[in-house]
N, C-alpha and C. Protein backbone atom coordinates (compact mmCIF):
# COMPACT_ATOMS: atom_id res chain seq x y z
N UNK A 1 111.23 159.05 140.97
CA UNK A 1 110.45 158.10 141.18
C UNK A 1 109.04 157.63 141.90
N UNK A 2 107.75 157.56 141.20
CA UNK A 2 106.84 157.41 141.74
C UNK A 2 106.15 155.97 142.46
N UNK A 3 106.19 156.38 143.82
CA UNK A 3 106.00 154.89 144.29
C UNK A 3 104.00 154.29 143.96
N UNK A 4 104.08 153.14 143.94
CA UNK A 4 102.43 153.27 144.18
C UNK A 4 102.07 152.72 145.75
N UNK A 5 100.78 152.58 145.83
CA UNK A 5 99.86 153.05 146.31
C UNK A 5 100.63 151.40 146.61
N UNK A 6 99.67 151.39 147.68
CA UNK A 6 100.10 150.15 148.98
C UNK A 6 98.63 149.01 148.28
N UNK A 7 99.01 147.53 148.22
CA UNK A 7 97.30 146.72 147.61
C UNK A 7 96.09 147.04 148.87
N UNK A 8 96.91 147.60 150.25
CA UNK A 8 95.47 147.72 150.97
C UNK A 8 95.30 149.30 150.17
N UNK A 9 94.97 149.92 150.33
CA UNK A 9 94.87 150.95 149.34
C UNK A 9 93.79 150.88 148.08
N UNK A 10 94.61 150.06 147.18
CA UNK A 10 93.88 149.45 146.48
C UNK A 10 93.03 148.80 146.24
N UNK A 11 93.29 147.90 147.29
CA UNK A 11 91.66 147.25 147.67
C UNK A 11 90.82 148.01 148.39
N UNK A 12 91.28 149.10 148.76
CA UNK A 12 89.72 150.12 149.19
C UNK A 12 89.16 150.65 148.50
N UNK A 13 89.80 151.29 147.70
CA UNK A 13 89.46 151.82 146.65
C UNK A 13 88.85 151.30 145.57
N UNK A 14 89.14 149.78 145.02
CA UNK A 14 88.05 149.19 144.61
C UNK A 14 87.00 148.70 145.94
N UNK A 15 86.71 148.86 146.41
CA UNK A 15 85.48 147.98 147.58
C UNK A 15 84.81 149.41 147.46
N UNK A 16 85.47 150.41 147.44
CA UNK A 16 84.79 151.80 147.59
C UNK A 16 83.88 151.65 146.16
N UNK A 17 84.61 151.65 144.70
CA UNK A 17 84.05 151.75 143.36
C UNK A 17 83.01 151.28 143.27
N UNK A 18 83.23 149.75 143.66
CA UNK A 18 82.02 149.02 144.12
C UNK A 18 80.78 149.28 144.42
N UNK A 19 81.10 149.72 145.76
CA UNK A 19 79.27 150.38 147.13
C UNK A 19 78.76 151.13 146.16
N UNK A 20 79.81 152.39 145.55
CA UNK A 20 78.82 153.55 144.23
C UNK A 20 78.43 152.67 143.45
N UNK A 21 79.89 151.34 143.23
CA UNK A 21 78.75 151.29 141.21
C UNK A 21 77.33 150.90 141.39
N UNK A 22 77.32 149.64 143.09
CA UNK A 22 76.10 149.26 143.40
C UNK A 22 75.24 150.27 143.64
N UNK A 23 75.40 151.32 144.70
CA UNK A 23 74.33 152.26 144.02
C UNK A 23 73.27 152.82 143.55
N UNK A 24 74.89 153.57 142.62
CA UNK A 24 73.91 154.05 141.32
C UNK A 24 73.17 153.04 141.00
N UNK A 25 73.61 151.54 140.80
CA UNK A 25 72.54 150.82 140.26
C UNK A 25 71.65 150.77 140.25
N UNK A 26 71.41 150.55 141.79
CA UNK A 26 69.81 150.34 142.72
C UNK A 26 69.60 151.56 143.25
N UNK A 27 69.70 152.81 142.74
CA UNK A 27 69.01 153.78 142.79
C UNK A 27 68.96 154.23 141.14
N UNK A 28 68.92 153.61 140.02
CA UNK A 28 68.33 153.16 138.68
C UNK A 28 67.90 152.54 138.59
N UNK A 29 67.49 150.98 139.53
CA UNK A 29 66.21 150.26 139.30
C UNK A 29 65.11 151.04 139.94
N UNK A 30 64.85 151.44 141.18
CA UNK A 30 64.49 152.26 141.96
C UNK A 30 63.64 152.90 141.73
N UNK A 31 64.30 154.03 140.65
CA UNK A 31 63.74 154.87 140.10
C UNK A 31 62.57 154.01 138.66
N UNK A 32 63.12 153.41 138.21
CA UNK A 32 61.92 152.44 136.55
C UNK A 32 61.12 151.64 137.38
N UNK A 33 61.26 151.74 137.77
CA UNK A 33 60.73 150.41 138.75
C UNK A 33 59.29 151.83 139.64
N UNK A 34 60.02 152.77 140.01
CA UNK A 34 58.21 153.58 140.62
C UNK A 34 58.38 154.03 139.17
N UNK A 35 58.23 154.50 138.19
CA UNK A 35 57.88 154.83 136.47
C UNK A 35 56.90 154.10 135.84
N UNK A 36 57.15 153.19 136.34
CA UNK A 36 57.13 151.72 135.16
C UNK A 36 55.34 151.04 137.02
N UNK A 37 55.58 151.29 137.56
CA UNK A 37 54.32 151.45 138.85
C UNK A 37 54.73 150.51 139.21
N UNK A 38 55.83 149.78 139.26
CA UNK A 38 56.15 148.99 140.12
C UNK A 38 55.17 146.96 141.15
N UNK A 39 54.20 147.64 139.91
CA UNK A 39 53.92 145.96 140.59
C UNK A 39 52.50 146.41 141.48
N UNK A 40 52.15 148.05 141.88
CA UNK A 40 50.98 147.95 142.76
C UNK A 40 50.21 148.47 141.76
N UNK A 41 48.91 147.30 142.99
CA UNK A 41 47.36 147.07 141.75
C UNK A 41 46.85 148.93 141.95
N UNK A 42 45.65 149.00 141.32
CA UNK A 42 45.84 150.52 141.12
C UNK A 42 45.14 150.62 142.21
N UNK A 43 43.75 150.32 143.56
CA UNK A 43 43.72 150.16 144.32
C UNK A 43 44.68 150.75 145.29
N UNK A 44 45.78 149.97 146.23
CA UNK A 44 47.65 150.46 146.38
C UNK A 44 47.67 151.91 146.14
N UNK A 45 47.26 151.91 144.79
CA UNK A 45 47.96 152.78 144.26
C UNK A 45 46.79 154.49 144.45
N UNK A 46 45.96 154.25 144.50
CA UNK A 46 44.68 155.20 144.69
C UNK A 46 45.08 155.50 146.24
N UNK A 47 45.14 154.59 146.92
CA UNK A 47 45.15 154.68 148.70
C UNK A 47 47.01 155.43 148.84
N UNK A 48 47.48 155.23 148.77
CA UNK A 48 49.52 155.34 148.97
C UNK A 48 48.98 157.31 147.96
N UNK A 49 48.40 157.44 146.81
CA UNK A 49 49.00 158.86 146.63
C UNK A 49 47.37 160.16 147.12
N UNK A 50 46.43 158.84 147.94
CA UNK A 50 46.09 159.93 148.61
C UNK A 50 46.34 160.09 150.34
N UNK A 51 46.35 158.80 150.41
CA UNK A 51 47.48 159.72 151.64
C UNK A 51 46.41 158.57 152.53
N UNK A 52 45.81 157.78 151.91
CA UNK A 52 45.10 156.92 153.45
C UNK A 52 45.24 155.88 153.41
N UNK A 53 46.68 155.56 153.64
CA UNK A 53 47.39 154.72 154.79
C UNK A 53 47.90 154.99 156.07
N UNK A 54 46.85 155.95 156.12
CA UNK A 54 46.94 156.60 157.56
C UNK A 54 46.61 155.58 158.91
N UNK A 55 47.12 155.88 159.57
CA UNK A 55 46.58 154.57 160.99
C UNK A 55 45.00 155.03 161.18
N UNK A 56 44.77 156.58 161.16
CA UNK A 56 42.69 156.81 161.58
C UNK A 56 42.54 156.44 159.93
N UNK A 57 43.10 155.71 159.18
CA UNK A 57 41.62 155.30 158.24
C UNK A 57 41.18 153.71 157.70
N UNK A 58 40.96 153.36 157.90
CA UNK A 58 40.51 152.23 157.91
C UNK A 58 40.26 151.82 156.63
N UNK A 59 40.99 150.48 156.12
CA UNK A 59 40.92 150.37 154.75
C UNK A 59 40.41 148.30 154.24
N UNK A 60 39.84 148.28 153.28
CA UNK A 60 39.99 146.87 153.27
C UNK A 60 40.29 146.51 151.53
N UNK A 61 40.74 145.23 151.70
CA UNK A 61 40.84 144.75 150.97
C UNK A 61 40.36 144.03 149.34
N UNK A 62 38.85 143.65 150.18
CA UNK A 62 37.59 142.82 149.97
C UNK A 62 36.78 144.23 149.07
N UNK A 63 36.62 144.52 148.66
CA UNK A 63 35.48 145.70 148.04
C UNK A 63 33.24 144.43 148.68
N UNK A 64 33.82 143.00 148.37
CA UNK A 64 32.21 142.41 148.06
C UNK A 64 32.19 142.03 149.37
N UNK A 65 32.59 141.42 150.49
CA UNK A 65 32.14 141.19 151.35
C UNK A 65 31.10 139.74 151.65
N UNK A 66 30.14 140.37 151.44
CA UNK A 66 29.09 139.64 151.49
C UNK A 66 29.11 138.47 150.27
N UNK A 67 29.24 138.59 148.92
CA UNK A 67 29.95 137.85 148.24
C UNK A 67 31.05 137.04 148.73
N UNK A 68 32.62 137.37 149.23
CA UNK A 68 33.23 136.22 149.75
C UNK A 68 32.49 135.32 150.90
N UNK A 69 31.96 136.07 151.40
CA UNK A 69 31.03 134.72 152.45
C UNK A 69 30.13 134.37 152.44
N UNK A 70 29.46 134.12 151.53
CA UNK A 70 28.10 133.37 150.03
C UNK A 70 29.62 132.03 149.37
N UNK A 71 30.66 132.00 149.16
CA UNK A 71 31.51 131.64 148.43
C UNK A 71 32.12 131.16 149.74
N UNK A 72 32.70 131.20 150.53
CA UNK A 72 32.98 130.58 151.90
C UNK A 72 31.82 129.49 152.37
N UNK A 73 30.59 129.48 152.62
CA UNK A 73 29.76 129.29 152.84
C UNK A 73 29.79 128.13 151.77
N UNK A 74 29.59 128.09 150.22
CA UNK A 74 29.87 126.67 149.66
C UNK A 74 30.63 126.50 150.24
N UNK A 75 31.59 126.64 150.11
CA UNK A 75 32.79 125.88 149.88
C UNK A 75 32.96 124.85 151.21
N UNK A 76 31.64 124.95 152.45
CA UNK A 76 31.71 124.23 153.62
C UNK A 76 30.77 123.87 153.74
N UNK A 77 29.77 123.56 152.44
CA UNK A 77 28.96 123.26 152.48
C UNK A 77 29.28 121.46 151.28
N UNK A 78 29.83 121.93 150.34
CA UNK A 78 30.67 121.21 149.44
C UNK A 78 31.94 120.36 150.52
N UNK A 79 32.45 121.05 151.56
CA UNK A 79 33.35 119.43 152.01
C UNK A 79 32.75 118.94 153.59
N UNK A 80 31.39 119.38 153.87
CA UNK A 80 30.49 119.67 154.14
C UNK A 80 30.49 118.94 156.17
N UNK A 81 31.41 120.11 155.78
CA UNK A 81 31.83 121.04 156.96
C UNK A 81 30.43 121.48 158.09
N UNK A 82 29.19 122.20 157.13
CA UNK A 82 28.08 122.67 157.92
C UNK A 82 26.76 121.69 157.07
N UNK A 83 25.88 121.95 157.38
CA UNK A 83 24.70 121.17 156.71
C UNK A 83 24.33 122.25 154.94
N UNK A 84 23.87 123.75 156.38
CA UNK A 84 23.42 124.31 155.39
C UNK A 84 23.92 125.62 155.25
N UNK A 85 23.66 126.86 155.08
CA UNK A 85 24.23 127.96 154.54
C UNK A 85 23.45 128.85 156.04
N UNK A 86 22.41 128.11 156.38
CA UNK A 86 22.23 129.35 157.69
C UNK A 86 22.15 128.41 158.95
N UNK A 87 23.68 127.40 159.02
CA UNK A 87 24.48 126.78 160.11
C UNK A 87 25.50 128.38 160.86
N UNK A 88 25.34 129.27 160.02
CA UNK A 88 26.82 129.67 159.95
C UNK A 88 26.17 131.40 159.37
N UNK A 89 25.01 131.54 160.09
CA UNK A 89 24.32 132.88 160.63
C UNK A 89 24.65 133.52 161.44
N UNK A 90 24.81 134.33 161.82
CA UNK A 90 24.40 134.89 163.13
C UNK A 90 23.15 135.53 164.17
N UNK A 91 23.48 135.55 165.44
CA UNK A 91 21.93 135.53 165.76
C UNK A 91 21.81 136.99 166.10
N UNK A 92 20.98 137.69 165.83
CA UNK A 92 20.50 139.19 166.30
C UNK A 92 21.71 139.53 167.40
N UNK A 93 21.41 138.68 168.86
CA UNK A 93 22.79 139.38 169.45
C UNK A 93 24.05 138.85 169.52
N UNK A 94 24.60 138.36 168.48
CA UNK A 94 25.69 138.29 167.56
C UNK A 94 26.32 139.48 167.04
N UNK A 95 25.06 139.23 166.03
CA UNK A 95 24.93 141.01 165.17
C UNK A 95 25.39 142.54 165.99
N UNK A 96 24.54 141.90 166.92
CA UNK A 96 24.79 144.17 168.06
C UNK A 96 25.58 143.55 168.46
N UNK A 97 26.82 142.84 168.92
CA UNK A 97 28.24 142.74 169.64
C UNK A 97 29.26 143.00 168.40
N UNK A 98 29.13 142.20 167.66
CA UNK A 98 30.17 142.78 166.34
C UNK A 98 30.04 143.73 166.64
N UNK A 99 28.61 144.09 165.30
CA UNK A 99 28.45 145.45 165.55
C UNK A 99 29.13 146.89 166.65
N UNK A 100 28.58 146.62 167.31
CA UNK A 100 29.93 147.44 169.06
C UNK A 100 30.90 147.53 169.48
N UNK A 101 31.29 146.58 168.59
CA UNK A 101 32.57 145.90 168.66
C UNK A 101 33.57 147.23 167.64
N UNK A 102 32.90 146.78 166.48
CA UNK A 102 33.54 147.65 165.37
C UNK A 102 33.66 148.53 165.16
N UNK A 103 32.54 148.88 166.71
CA UNK A 103 32.77 150.69 166.46
C UNK A 103 33.81 151.18 167.24
N UNK A 104 33.54 150.25 168.65
CA UNK A 104 34.35 151.21 169.10
C UNK A 104 36.22 149.97 169.22
N UNK A 105 36.47 149.69 168.57
CA UNK A 105 37.59 149.44 167.95
C UNK A 105 37.93 147.43 168.82
N UNK A 106 37.32 147.40 170.00
CA UNK A 106 37.47 146.59 171.10
C UNK A 106 36.79 145.04 170.51
């Protein structure tokens, strides 16, 4: 007569089968999301495919900084934090200092 496996062995086999199923399911899900695009924006997908996410390449998610600063200044005026957009303008000295900091990275 054939002896049935111990219950601990059956538990181990069941856990192994569940883990294998979860792994295959996760793999299938990952592949599907990769084919679908995974929710990446076009800019991010382009950066990733071109290798632009390297440490030596600086990227910006803001394509038009000028309009962003204008929107910020307008919001500050409406909130009463500043009286006019000229209150947030940098002096020539500050502009030069900022440019030097940007060039050196410090």
